[in-house]
Amino acid sequence: MINIYGLKNCDSCRKASKWLDNNSLDYNFYDFKNFSLSDSLLSKWIEIHSLEKILNKRSTTWRNLSESLKNNFEKNYIKIIIKNTSLIKRPIWEFKNLPERELTPGFDKAHQNFILKIK
């Protein structure tokens, strides 16, 4: 089973969901707005992918963070991201409830090819 985590209004998440539907692939979609992201799950994603690949510094949410939060980000990044899930690059992928190391956050042709190979 495929799990994807993101925001239902995110273009990349919508494209991923549509592609999965069109390819008759079963999946669960977890919307950050309705899903309580745990510290342990976020930590697992960061361990697998790295903070740099998880954090979306181009997001409006990042740009709107206070300077004090940005300056203390390295110390408190788990708490900050949990409170501001829009900071996460989307979608995040899991297969059989485990993050896939080779499938980084996002959705493009490489993701499609990888998913079709392992389905």
PDB file of N, CA and C in Angstrom:
ATOM      1  N   MET A   1       0.842  -1.181   0.000  1.00  0.00           N
ATOM      2  CA  MET A   1       0.000   0.000   0.000  1.00  0.00           C
ATOM      3  C   MET A   1       0.885   1.240   0.000  1.00  0.00           C
ATOM      4  N   ILE A   2       0.477   2.219  -0.742  1.00  0.00           N
ATOM      5  CA  ILE A   2       1.182   3.489  -0.838  1.00  0.00           C
ATOM      6  C   ILE A   2       0.494   4.487   0.087  1.00  0.00           C
ATOM      7  N   ASN A   3       1.292   5.197   0.859  1.00  0.00           N
ATOM      8  CA  ASN A   3       0.794   6.320   1.649  1.00  0.00           C
ATOM      9  C   ASN A   3       1.436   7.582   1.113  1.00  0.00           C
ATOM     10  N   ILE A   4       0.622   8.606   0.906  1.00  0.00           N
ATOM     11  CA  ILE A   4       1.185   9.906   0.561  1.00  0.00           C
ATOM     12  C   ILE A   4       0.678  10.922   1.573  1.00  0.00           C
ATOM     13  N   TYR A   5       1.585  11.805   1.942  1.00  0.00           N
ATOM     14  CA  TYR A   5       1.301  12.842   2.926  1.00  0.00           C
ATOM     15  C   TYR A   5       1.494  14.187   2.255  1.00  0.00           C
ATOM     16  N   GLY A   6       0.552  15.082   2.486  1.00  0.00           N
ATOM     17  CA  GLY A   6       0.659  16.403   1.894  1.00  0.00           C
ATOM     18  C   GLY A   6      -0.546  17.251   2.220  1.00  0.00           C
ATOM     19  N   LEU A   7      -0.885  18.121   1.289  1.00  0.00           N
ATOM     20  CA  LEU A   7      -2.038  19.010   1.422  1.00  0.00           C
ATOM     21  C   LEU A   7      -2.946  18.794   0.221  1.00  0.00           C
ATOM     22  N   LYS A   8      -4.236  18.650   0.460  1.00  0.00           N
ATOM     23  CA  LYS A   8      -5.145  18.353  -0.655  1.00  0.00           C
ATOM     24  C   LYS A   8      -5.181  19.481  -1.682  1.00  0.00           C
ATOM     25  N   ASN A   9      -4.843  20.699  -1.279  1.00  0.00           N
ATOM     26  CA  ASN A   9      -4.853  21.822  -2.215  1.00  0.00           C
ATOM     27  C   ASN A   9      -3.505  22.054  -2.892  1.00  0.00           C
ATOM     28  N   CYS A  10      -2.515  21.240  -2.580  1.00  0.00           N
ATOM     29  CA  CYS A  10      -1.181  21.356  -3.169  1.00  0.00           C
ATOM     30  C   CYS A  10      -1.208  20.790  -4.591  1.00  0.00           C
ATOM     31  N   ASP A  11      -0.686  21.540  -5.558  1.00  0.00           N
ATOM     32  CA  ASP A  11      -0.675  21.086  -6.952  1.00  0.00           C
ATOM     33  C   ASP A  11       0.047  19.751  -7.118  1.00  0.00           C
ATOM     34  N   SER A  12       1.207  19.603  -6.499  1.00  0.00           N
ATOM     35  CA  SER A  12       1.963  18.349  -6.627  1.00  0.00           C
ATOM     36  C   SER A  12       1.204  17.176  -6.029  1.00  0.00           C
ATOM     37  N   CYS A  13       0.539  17.403  -4.913  1.00  0.00           N
ATOM     38  CA  CYS A  13      -0.246  16.332  -4.274  1.00  0.00           C
ATOM     39  C   CYS A  13      -1.449  15.961  -5.131  1.00  0.00           C
ATOM     40  N   ARG A  14      -2.090  16.950  -5.711  1.00  0.00           N
ATOM     41  CA  ARG A  14      -3.238  16.666  -6.592  1.00  0.00           C
ATOM     42  C   ARG A  14      -2.786  15.891  -7.819  1.00  0.00           C
ATOM     43  N   LYS A  15      -1.658  16.295  -8.414  1.00  0.00           N
ATOM     44  CA  LYS A  15      -1.130  15.581  -9.584  1.00  0.00           C
ATOM     45  C   LYS A  15      -0.774  14.141  -9.222  1.00  0.00           C
ATOM     46  N   ALA A  16      -0.151  13.950  -8.063  1.00  0.00           N
ATOM     47  CA  ALA A  16       0.222  12.601  -7.627  1.00  0.00           C
ATOM     48  C   ALA A  16      -1.022  11.740  -7.416  1.00  0.00           C
ATOM     49  N   SER A  17      -2.028  12.280  -6.750  1.00  0.00           N
ATOM     50  CA  SER A  17      -3.273  11.531  -6.508  1.00  0.00           C
ATOM     51  C   SER A  17      -3.958  11.168  -7.818  1.00  0.00           C
ATOM     52  N   LYS A  18      -4.012  12.122  -8.734  1.00  0.00           N
ATOM     53  CA  LYS A  18      -4.650  11.871 -10.030  1.00  0.00           C
ATOM     54  C   LYS A  18      -3.888  10.790 -10.798  1.00  0.00           C
ATOM     55  N   TRP A  19      -2.561  10.865 -10.782  1.00  0.00           N
ATOM     56  CA  TRP A  19      -1.748   9.876 -11.479  1.00  0.00           C
ATOM     57  C   TRP A  19      -1.951   8.484 -10.871  1.00  0.00           C
ATOM     58  N   LEU A  20      -1.969   8.403  -9.544  1.00  0.00           N
ATOM     59  CA  LEU A  20      -2.203   7.115  -8.879  1.00  0.00           C
ATOM     60  C   LEU A  20      -3.576   6.561  -9.247  1.00  0.00           C
ATOM     61  N   ASP A  21      -4.598   7.423  -9.253  1.00  0.00           N
ATOM     62  CA  ASP A  21      -5.948   7.000  -9.649  1.00  0.00           C
ATOM     63  C   ASP A  21      -5.959   6.498 -11.090  1.00  0.00           C
ATOM     64  N   ASN A  22      -5.333   7.250 -11.995  1.00  0.00           N
ATOM     65  CA  ASN A  22      -5.312   6.881 -13.414  1.00  0.00           C
ATOM     66  C   ASN A  22      -4.568   5.573 -13.670  1.00  0.00           C
ATOM     67  N   ASN A  23      -3.650   5.228 -12.772  1.00  0.00           N
ATOM     68  CA  ASN A  23      -2.889   3.983 -12.908  1.00  0.00           C
ATOM     69  C   ASN A  23      -3.432   2.875 -12.011  1.00  0.00           C
ATOM     70  N   SER A  24      -4.631   3.093 -11.484  1.00  0.00           N
ATOM     71  CA  SER A  24      -5.326   2.099 -10.642  1.00  0.00           C
ATOM     72  C   SER A  24      -4.460   1.588  -9.497  1.00  0.00           C
ATOM     73  N   LEU A  25      -3.748   2.501  -8.864  1.00  0.00           N
ATOM     74  CA  LEU A  25      -2.903   2.147  -7.729  1.00  0.00           C
ATOM     75  C   LEU A  25      -3.606   2.550  -6.437  1.00  0.00           C
ATOM     76  N   ASP A  26      -3.681   1.621  -5.507  1.00  0.00           N
ATOM     77  CA  ASP A  26      -4.306   1.906  -4.215  1.00  0.00           C
ATOM     78  C   ASP A  26      -3.371   2.744  -3.359  1.00  0.00           C
ATOM     79  N   TYR A  27      -3.934   3.714  -2.669  1.00  0.00           N
ATOM     80  CA  TYR A  27      -3.124   4.563  -1.800  1.00  0.00           C
ATOM     81  C   TYR A  27      -4.007   5.198  -0.735  1.00  0.00           C
ATOM     82  N   ASN A  28      -3.344   5.634   0.313  1.00  0.00           N
ATOM     83  CA  ASN A  28      -3.979   6.438   1.355  1.00  0.00           C
ATOM     84  C   ASN A  28      -3.387   7.833   1.262  1.00  0.00           C
ATOM     85  N   PHE A  29      -4.240   8.839   1.342  1.00  0.00           N
ATOM     86  CA  PHE A  29      -3.761  10.221   1.337  1.00  0.00           C
ATOM     87  C   PHE A  29      -3.988  10.816   2.718  1.00  0.00           C
ATOM     88  N   TYR A  30      -2.930  11.340   3.301  1.00  0.00           N
ATOM     89  CA  TYR A  30      -3.002  11.974   4.615  1.00  0.00           C
ATOM     90  C   TYR A  30      -2.764  13.468   4.449  1.00  0.00           C
ATOM     91  N   ASP A  31      -3.820  14.236   4.667  1.00  0.00           N
ATOM     92  CA  ASP A  31      -3.761  15.693   4.546  1.00  0.00           C
ATOM     93  C   ASP A  31      -3.235  16.268   5.859  1.00  0.00           C
ATOM     94  N   PHE A  32      -2.154  17.032   5.774  1.00  0.00           N
ATOM     95  CA  PHE A  32      -1.569  17.622   6.970  1.00  0.00           C
ATOM     96  C   PHE A  32      -2.564  18.475   7.757  1.00  0.00           C
ATOM     97  N   LYS A  33      -3.571  18.998   7.090  1.00  0.00           N
ATOM     98  CA  LYS A  33      -4.566  19.828   7.782  1.00  0.00           C
ATOM     99  C   LYS A  33      -5.498  18.989   8.654  1.00  0.00           C
ATOM    100  N   ASN A  34      -5.633  17.700   8.345  1.00  0.00           N
ATOM    101  CA  ASN A  34      -6.528  16.814   9.092  1.00  0.00           C
ATOM    102  C   ASN A  34      -5.797  15.670   9.781  1.00  0.00           C
ATOM    103  N   PHE A  35      -4.491  15.645   9.666  1.00  0.00           N
ATOM    104  CA  PHE A  35      -3.673  14.553  10.182  1.00  0.00           C
ATOM    105  C   PHE A  35      -2.707  15.122  11.208  1.00  0.00           C
ATOM    106  N   SER A  36      -2.654  14.520  12.359  1.00  0.00           N
ATOM    107  CA  SER A  36      -1.772  14.990  13.427  1.00  0.00           C
ATOM    108  C   SER A  36      -0.387  14.358  13.249  1.00  0.00           C
ATOM    109  N   LEU A  37       0.514  15.100  12.642  1.00  0.00           N
ATOM    110  CA  LEU A  37       1.868  14.614  12.383  1.00  0.00           C
ATOM    111  C   LEU A  37       2.629  14.497  13.699  1.00  0.00           C
ATOM    112  N   SER A  38       3.211  13.345  13.938  1.00  0.00           N
ATOM    113  CA  SER A  38       3.951  13.122  15.187  1.00  0.00           C
ATOM    114  C   SER A  38       5.424  13.487  15.020  1.00  0.00           C
ATOM    115  N   ASP A  39       6.052  13.790  16.142  1.00  0.00           N
ATOM    116  CA  ASP A  39       7.489  14.059  16.147  1.00  0.00           C
ATOM    117  C   ASP A  39       8.257  12.862  15.597  1.00  0.00           C
ATOM    118  N   SER A  40       7.830  11.663  15.977  1.00  0.00           N
ATOM    119  CA  SER A  40       8.566  10.461  15.563  1.00  0.00           C
ATOM    120  C   SER A  40       8.469  10.219  14.061  1.00  0.00           C
ATOM    121  N   LEU A  41       7.301  10.461  13.471  1.00  0.00           N
ATOM    122  CA  LEU A  41       7.157  10.268  12.026  1.00  0.00           C
ATOM    123  C   LEU A  41       7.980  11.304  11.270  1.00  0.00           C
ATOM    124  N   LEU A  42       7.904  12.560  11.684  1.00  0.00           N
ATOM    125  CA  LEU A  42       8.708  13.601  11.042  1.00  0.00           C
ATOM    126  C   LEU A  42      10.194  13.281  11.185  1.00  0.00           C
ATOM    127  N   SER A  43      10.606  12.856  12.358  1.00  0.00           N
ATOM    128  CA  SER A  43      12.017  12.500  12.575  1.00  0.00           C
ATOM    129  C   SER A  43      12.449  11.357  11.664  1.00  0.00           C
ATOM    130  N   LYS A  44      11.562  10.391  11.458  1.00  0.00           N
ATOM    131  CA  LYS A  44      11.864   9.261  10.567  1.00  0.00           C
ATOM    132  C   LYS A  44      12.070   9.765   9.139  1.00  0.00           C
ATOM    133  N   TRP A  45      11.191  10.667   8.681  1.00  0.00           N
ATOM    134  CA  TRP A  45      11.342  11.219   7.331  1.00  0.00           C
ATOM    135  C   TRP A  45      12.663  11.968   7.192  1.00  0.00           C
ATOM    136  N   ILE A  46      13.003  12.756   8.203  1.00  0.00           N
ATOM    137  CA  ILE A  46      14.247  13.534   8.156  1.00  0.00           C
ATOM    138  C   ILE A  46      15.450  12.597   8.169  1.00  0.00           C
ATOM    139  N   GLU A  47      15.386  11.534   8.947  1.00  0.00           N
ATOM    140  CA  GLU A  47      16.477  10.555   8.987  1.00  0.00           C
ATOM    141  C   GLU A  47      16.671   9.904   7.619  1.00  0.00           C
ATOM    142  N   ILE A  48      15.585   9.582   6.945  1.00  0.00           N
ATOM    143  CA  ILE A  48      15.652   8.933   5.634  1.00  0.00           C
ATOM    144  C   ILE A  48      16.087   9.911   4.544  1.00  0.00           C
ATOM    145  N   HIS A  49      15.496  11.105   4.526  1.00  0.00           N
ATOM    146  CA  HIS A  49      15.690  12.025   3.399  1.00  0.00           C
ATOM    147  C   HIS A  49      16.625  13.199   3.677  1.00  0.00           C
ATOM    148  N   SER A  50      16.795  13.601   4.902  1.00  0.00           N
ATOM    149  CA  SER A  50      17.555  14.763   5.370  1.00  0.00           C
ATOM    150  C   SER A  50      16.628  15.977   5.496  1.00  0.00           C
ATOM    151  N   LEU A  51      16.986  16.838   6.405  1.00  0.00           N
ATOM    152  CA  LEU A  51      16.194  18.043   6.643  1.00  0.00           C
ATOM    153  C   LEU A  51      16.141  18.909   5.387  1.00  0.00           C
ATOM    154  N   GLU A  52      17.246  18.990   4.663  1.00  0.00           N
ATOM    155  CA  GLU A  52      17.304  19.823   3.460  1.00  0.00           C
ATOM    156  C   GLU A  52      16.293  19.384   2.404  1.00  0.00           C
ATOM    157  N   LYS A  53      16.064  18.079   2.307  1.00  0.00           N
ATOM    158  CA  LYS A  53      15.114  17.581   1.309  1.00  0.00           C
ATOM    159  C   LYS A  53      13.671  17.656   1.790  1.00  0.00           C
ATOM    160  N   ILE A  54      13.462  17.703   3.095  1.00  0.00           N
ATOM    161  CA  ILE A  54      12.110  17.790   3.656  1.00  0.00           C
ATOM    162  C   ILE A  54      11.632  19.237   3.726  1.00  0.00           C
ATOM    163  N   LEU A  55      12.521  20.146   4.069  1.00  0.00           N
ATOM    164  CA  LEU A  55      12.157  21.544   4.307  1.00  0.00           C
ATOM    165  C   LEU A  55      12.016  22.316   3.004  1.00  0.00           C
ATOM    166  N   ASN A  56      10.890  22.997   2.847  1.00  0.00           N
ATOM    167  CA  ASN A  56      10.634  23.817   1.664  1.00  0.00           C
ATOM    168  C   ASN A  56      10.889  25.283   2.007  1.00  0.00           C
ATOM    169  N   LYS A  57      12.127  25.724   1.774  1.00  0.00           N
ATOM    170  CA  LYS A  57      12.486  27.109   2.088  1.00  0.00           C
ATOM    171  C   LYS A  57      11.953  28.097   1.059  1.00  0.00           C
ATOM    172  N   ARG A  58      11.354  27.599  -0.012  1.00  0.00           N
ATOM    173  CA  ARG A  58      10.748  28.502  -0.998  1.00  0.00           C
ATOM    174  C   ARG A  58       9.288  28.797  -0.670  1.00  0.00           C
ATOM    175  N   SER A  59       8.768  28.155   0.362  1.00  0.00           N
ATOM    176  CA  SER A  59       7.350  28.317   0.690  1.00  0.00           C
ATOM    177  C   SER A  59       7.063  29.678   1.312  1.00  0.00           C
ATOM    178  N   THR A  60       5.835  30.108   1.134  1.00  0.00           N
ATOM    179  CA  THR A  60       5.365  31.342   1.764  1.00  0.00           C
ATOM    180  C   THR A  60       5.465  31.215   3.278  1.00  0.00           C
ATOM    181  N   THR A  61       5.184  30.033   3.780  1.00  0.00           N
ATOM    182  CA  THR A  61       5.248  29.807   5.227  1.00  0.00           C
ATOM    183  C   THR A  61       6.651  30.074   5.751  1.00  0.00           C
ATOM    184  N   TRP A  62       7.676  29.594   5.032  1.00  0.00           N
ATOM    185  CA  TRP A  62       9.061  29.850   5.447  1.00  0.00           C
ATOM    186  C   TRP A  62       9.353  31.343   5.405  1.00  0.00           C
ATOM    187  N   ARG A  63       8.970  31.991   4.338  1.00  0.00           N
ATOM    188  CA  ARG A  63       9.244  33.428   4.210  1.00  0.00           C
ATOM    189  C   ARG A  63       8.547  34.233   5.300  1.00  0.00           C
ATOM    190  N   ASN A  64       7.404  33.750   5.778  1.00  0.00           N
ATOM    191  CA  ASN A  64       6.645  34.474   6.794  1.00  0.00           C
ATOM    192  C   ASN A  64       7.035  34.122   8.229  1.00  0.00           C
ATOM    193  N   LEU A  65       7.934  33.161   8.414  1.00  0.00           N
ATOM    194  CA  LEU A  65       8.389  32.853   9.773  1.00  0.00           C
ATOM    195  C   LEU A  65       9.143  34.046  10.341  1.00  0.00           C
ATOM    196  N   SER A  66       9.001  34.253  11.620  1.00  0.00           N
ATOM    197  CA  SER A  66       9.726  35.354  12.265  1.00  0.00           C
ATOM    198  C   SER A  66      11.228  35.084  12.194  1.00  0.00           C
ATOM    199  N   GLU A  67      11.993  36.145  12.253  1.00  0.00           N
ATOM    200  CA  GLU A  67      13.454  36.007  12.226  1.00  0.00           C
ATOM    201  C   GLU A  67      13.946  35.199  13.420  1.00  0.00           C
ATOM    202  N   SER A  68      13.298  35.353  14.565  1.00  0.00           N
ATOM    203  CA  SER A  68      13.732  34.592  15.747  1.00  0.00           C
ATOM    204  C   SER A  68      13.531  33.089  15.531  1.00  0.00           C
ATOM    205  N   LEU A  69      12.416  32.694  14.886  1.00  0.00           N
ATOM    206  CA  LEU A  69      12.214  31.270  14.591  1.00  0.00           C
ATOM    207  C   LEU A  69      13.242  30.770  13.583  1.00  0.00           C
ATOM    208  N   LYS A  70      13.505  31.566  12.561  1.00  0.00           N
ATOM    209  CA  LYS A  70      14.509  31.160  11.566  1.00  0.00           C
ATOM    210  C   LYS A  70      15.890  31.042  12.205  1.00  0.00           C
ATOM    211  N   ASN A  71      16.218  31.990  13.091  1.00  0.00           N
ATOM    212  CA  ASN A  71      17.532  31.972  13.744  1.00  0.00           C
ATOM    213  C   ASN A  71      17.692  30.789  14.690  1.00  0.00           C
ATOM    214  N   ASN A  72      16.601  30.319  15.263  1.00  0.00           N
ATOM    215  CA  ASN A  72      16.645  29.178  16.186  1.00  0.00           C
ATOM    216  C   ASN A  72      16.159  27.888  15.538  1.00  0.00           C
ATOM    217  N   PHE A  73      16.050  27.894  14.235  1.00  0.00           N
ATOM    218  CA  PHE A  73      15.470  26.761  13.530  1.00  0.00           C
ATOM    219  C   PHE A  73      16.233  25.468  13.785  1.00  0.00           C
ATOM    220  N   GLU A  74      17.544  25.508  13.738  1.00  0.00           N
ATOM    221  CA  GLU A  74      18.349  24.289  13.916  1.00  0.00           C
ATOM    222  C   GLU A  74      18.085  23.631  15.264  1.00  0.00           C
ATOM    223  N   LYS A  75      17.809  24.425  16.285  1.00  0.00           N
ATOM    224  CA  LYS A  75      17.570  23.885  17.628  1.00  0.00           C
ATOM    225  C   LYS A  75      16.157  23.333  17.775  1.00  0.00           C
ATOM    226  N   ASN A  76      15.200  23.939  17.080  1.00  0.00           N
ATOM    227  CA  ASN A  76      13.783  23.635  17.304  1.00  0.00           C
ATOM    228  C   ASN A  76      13.040  23.209  16.046  1.00  0.00           C
ATOM    229  N   TYR A  77      13.744  22.699  15.057  1.00  0.00           N
ATOM    230  CA  TYR A  77      13.093  22.457  13.765  1.00  0.00           C
ATOM    231  C   TYR A  77      11.924  21.480  13.837  1.00  0.00           C
ATOM    232  N   ILE A  78      11.986  20.465  14.675  1.00  0.00           N
ATOM    233  CA  ILE A  78      10.868  19.511  14.770  1.00  0.00           C
ATOM    234  C   ILE A  78       9.608  20.237  15.229  1.00  0.00           C
ATOM    235  N   LYS A  79       9.705  20.991  16.306  1.00  0.00           N
ATOM    236  CA  LYS A  79       8.541  21.724  16.825  1.00  0.00           C
ATOM    237  C   LYS A  79       8.018  22.732  15.808  1.00  0.00           C
ATOM    238  N   ILE A  80       8.926  23.433  15.150  1.00  0.00           N
ATOM    239  CA  ILE A  80       8.519  24.459  14.179  1.00  0.00           C
ATOM    240  C   ILE A  80       7.802  23.814  12.997  1.00  0.00           C
ATOM    241  N   ILE A  81       8.335  22.727  12.480  1.00  0.00           N
ATOM    242  CA  ILE A  81       7.712  22.063  11.330  1.00  0.00           C
ATOM    243  C   ILE A  81       6.367  21.454  11.723  1.00  0.00           C
ATOM    244  N   ILE A  82       6.279  20.844  12.896  1.00  0.00           N
ATOM    245  CA  ILE A  82       5.007  20.258  13.349  1.00  0.00           C
ATOM    246  C   ILE A  82       3.925  21.337  13.425  1.00  0.00           C
ATOM    247  N   LYS A  83       4.290  22.525  13.886  1.00  0.00           N
ATOM    248  CA  LYS A  83       3.313  23.627  13.976  1.00  0.00           C
ATOM    249  C   LYS A  83       3.013  24.238  12.615  1.00  0.00           C
ATOM    250  N   ASN A  84       3.925  24.072  11.659  1.00  0.00           N
ATOM    251  CA  ASN A  84       3.812  24.688  10.330  1.00  0.00           C
ATOM    252  C   ASN A  84       4.071  23.633   9.261  1.00  0.00           C
ATOM    253  N   THR A  85       3.138  22.703   9.099  1.00  0.00           N
ATOM    254  CA  THR A  85       3.369  21.582   8.180  1.00  0.00           C
ATOM    255  C   THR A  85       3.491  22.019   6.722  1.00  0.00           C
ATOM    256  N   SER A  86       3.106  23.246   6.414  1.00  0.00           N
ATOM    257  CA  SER A  86       3.292  23.753   5.051  1.00  0.00           C
ATOM    258  C   SER A  86       4.767  23.931   4.716  1.00  0.00           C
ATOM    259  N   LEU A  87       5.633  23.813   5.709  1.00  0.00           N
ATOM    260  CA  LEU A  87       7.076  23.882   5.473  1.00  0.00           C
ATOM    261  C   LEU A  87       7.622  22.602   4.842  1.00  0.00           C
ATOM    262  N   ILE A  88       6.823  21.551   4.821  1.00  0.00           N
ATOM    263  CA  ILE A  88       7.277  20.258   4.304  1.00  0.00           C
ATOM    264  C   ILE A  88       7.085  20.201   2.793  1.00  0.00           C
ATOM    265  N   LYS A  89       8.148  19.786   2.084  1.00  0.00           N
ATOM    266  CA  LYS A  89       8.018  19.544   0.646  1.00  0.00           C
ATOM    267  C   LYS A  89       7.054  18.394   0.450  1.00  0.00           C
ATOM    268  N   ARG A  90       6.241  18.503  -0.581  1.00  0.00           N
ATOM    269  CA  ARG A  90       5.155  17.546  -0.771  1.00  0.00           C
ATOM    270  C   ARG A  90       5.122  17.010  -2.198  1.00  0.00           C
ATOM    271  N   PRO A  91       4.520  15.807  -2.284  1.00  0.00           N
ATOM    272  CA  PRO A  91       4.109  14.885  -1.231  1.00  0.00           C
ATOM    273  C   PRO A  91       5.282  14.089  -0.677  1.00  0.00           C
ATOM    274  N   ILE A  92       5.060  13.553   0.517  1.00  0.00           N
ATOM    275  CA  ILE A  92       5.975  12.591   1.134  1.00  0.00           C
ATOM    276  C   ILE A  92       5.405  11.203   0.832  1.00  0.00           C
ATOM    277  N   TRP A  93       6.273  10.279   0.459  1.00  0.00           N
ATOM    278  CA  TRP A  93       5.843   8.939   0.042  1.00  0.00           C
ATOM    279  C   TRP A  93       6.249   7.876   1.048  1.00  0.00           C
ATOM    280  N   GLU A  94       5.364   6.904   1.259  1.00  0.00           N
ATOM    281  CA  GLU A  94       5.685   5.708   2.034  1.00  0.00           C
ATOM    282  C   GLU A  94       5.130   4.490   1.303  1.00  0.00           C
ATOM    283  N   PHE A  95       5.860   3.391   1.400  1.00  0.00           N
ATOM    284  CA  PHE A  95       5.406   2.105   0.865  1.00  0.00           C
ATOM    285  C   PHE A  95       5.432   1.100   2.004  1.00  0.00           C
ATOM    286  N   LYS A  96       4.314   0.424   2.206  1.00  0.00           N
ATOM    287  CA  LYS A  96       4.181  -0.526   3.320  1.00  0.00           C
ATOM    288  C   LYS A  96       4.543   0.153   4.640  1.00  0.00           C
ATOM    289  N   ASN A  97       4.074   1.392   4.790  1.00  0.00           N
ATOM    290  CA  ASN A  97       4.258   2.198   6.003  1.00  0.00           C
ATOM    291  C   ASN A  97       5.706   2.546   6.311  1.00  0.00           C
ATOM    292  N   LEU A  98       6.568   2.476   5.306  1.00  0.00           N
ATOM    293  CA  LEU A  98       7.959   2.865   5.486  1.00  0.00           C
ATOM    294  C   LEU A  98       8.335   3.902   4.443  1.00  0.00           C
ATOM    295  N   PRO A  99       9.069   4.948   4.840  1.00  0.00           N
ATOM    296  CA  PRO A  99       9.529   5.915   3.849  1.00  0.00           C
ATOM    297  C   PRO A  99      10.452   5.226   2.849  1.00  0.00           C
ATOM    298  N   GLU A 100      10.383   5.639   1.620  1.00  0.00           N
ATOM    299  CA  GLU A 100      11.225   5.075   0.566  1.00  0.00           C
ATOM    300  C   GLU A 100      12.401   6.014   0.341  1.00  0.00           C
ATOM    301  N   ARG A 101      13.610   5.521   0.640  1.00  0.00           N
ATOM    302  CA  ARG A 101      14.815   6.357   0.566  1.00  0.00           C
ATOM    303  C   ARG A 101      15.006   6.965  -0.829  1.00  0.00           C
ATOM    304  N   GLU A 102      14.742   6.188  -1.864  1.00  0.00           N
ATOM    305  CA  GLU A 102      14.987   6.666  -3.221  1.00  0.00           C
ATOM    306  C   GLU A 102      13.886   7.571  -3.759  1.00  0.00           C
ATOM    307  N   LEU A 103      12.786   7.650  -3.058  1.00  0.00           N
ATOM    308  CA  LEU A 103      11.661   8.460  -3.526  1.00  0.00           C
ATOM    309  C   LEU A 103      11.553   9.697  -2.639  1.00  0.00           C
ATOM    310  N   THR A 104      12.279  10.725  -3.028  1.00  0.00           N
ATOM    311  CA  THR A 104      12.328  11.955  -2.244  1.00  0.00           C
ATOM    312  C   THR A 104      10.991  12.689  -2.309  1.00  0.00           C
ATOM    313  N   PRO A 105      10.772  13.635  -1.409  1.00  0.00           N
ATOM    314  CA  PRO A 105       9.522  14.401  -1.457  1.00  0.00           C
ATOM    315  C   PRO A 105       9.343  15.085  -2.811  1.00  0.00           C
ATOM    316  N   GLY A 106       8.108  15.103  -3.282  1.00  0.00           N
ATOM    317  CA  GLY A 106       7.783  15.728  -4.557  1.00  0.00           C
ATOM    318  C   GLY A 106       7.102  14.739  -5.486  1.00  0.00           C
ATOM    319  N   PHE A 107       6.875  15.189  -6.727  1.00  0.00           N
ATOM    320  CA  PHE A 107       6.250  14.315  -7.718  1.00  0.00           C
ATOM    321  C   PHE A 107       6.659  14.759  -9.110  1.00  0.00           C
ATOM    322  N   ASP A 108       7.325  13.859  -9.829  1.00  0.00           N
ATOM    323  CA  ASP A 108       7.706  14.124 -11.213  1.00  0.00           C
ATOM    324  C   ASP A 108       7.814  12.786 -11.950  1.00  0.00           C
ATOM    325  N   LYS A 109       8.342  12.809 -13.151  1.00  0.00           N
ATOM    326  CA  LYS A 109       8.437  11.606 -13.983  1.00  0.00           C
ATOM    327  C   LYS A 109       9.280  10.516 -13.309  1.00  0.00           C
ATOM    328  N   ALA A 110      10.339  10.903 -12.622  1.00  0.00           N
ATOM    329  CA  ALA A 110      11.177   9.920 -11.926  1.00  0.00           C
ATOM    330  C   ALA A 110      10.383   9.202 -10.838  1.00  0.00           C
ATOM    331  N   HIS A 111       9.519   9.925 -10.151  1.00  0.00           N
ATOM    332  CA  HIS A 111       8.652   9.302  -9.146  1.00  0.00           C
ATOM    333  C   HIS A 111       7.721   8.293  -9.813  1.00  0.00           C
ATOM    334  N   GLN A 112       7.142   8.684 -10.937  1.00  0.00           N
ATOM    335  CA  GLN A 112       6.219   7.799 -11.651  1.00  0.00           C
ATOM    336  C   GLN A 112       6.925   6.508 -12.057  1.00  0.00           C
ATOM    337  N   ASN A 113       8.105   6.633 -12.642  1.00  0.00           N
ATOM    338  CA  ASN A 113       8.857   5.454 -13.084  1.00  0.00           C
ATOM    339  C   ASN A 113       9.199   4.540 -11.912  1.00  0.00           C
ATOM    340  N   PHE A 114       9.622   5.124 -10.807  1.00  0.00           N
ATOM    341  CA  PHE A 114       9.987   4.346  -9.628  1.00  0.00           C
ATOM    342  C   PHE A 114       8.779   3.588  -9.083  1.00  0.00           C
ATOM    343  N   ILE A 115       7.654   4.269  -8.968  1.00  0.00           N
ATOM    344  CA  ILE A 115       6.437   3.646  -8.423  1.00  0.00           C
ATOM    345  C   ILE A 115       5.972   2.498  -9.313  1.00  0.00           C
ATOM    346  N   LEU A 116       6.019   2.694 -10.619  1.00  0.00           N
ATOM    347  CA  LEU A 116       5.593   1.632 -11.531  1.00  0.00           C
ATOM    348  C   LEU A 116       6.510   0.415 -11.437  1.00  0.00           C
ATOM    349  N   LYS A 117       7.792   0.632 -11.150  1.00  0.00           N
ATOM    350  CA  LYS A 117       8.736  -0.481 -11.020  1.00  0.00           C
ATOM    351  C   LYS A 117       8.477  -1.315  -9.772  1.00  0.00           C
ATOM    352  N   ILE A 118       8.078  -0.668  -8.687  1.00  0.00           N
ATOM    353  CA  ILE A 118       7.956  -1.407  -7.426  1.00  0.00           C
ATOM    354  C   ILE A 118       6.532  -1.842  -7.095  1.00  0.00           C
ATOM    355  N   LYS A 119       5.569  -1.439  -7.915  1.00  0.00           N
ATOM    356  CA  LYS A 119       4.164  -1.754  -7.566  1.00  0.00           C
ATOM    357  C   LYS A 119       3.859  -3.227  -7.571  1.00  0.00           C
TER     358      LYS A 119
END
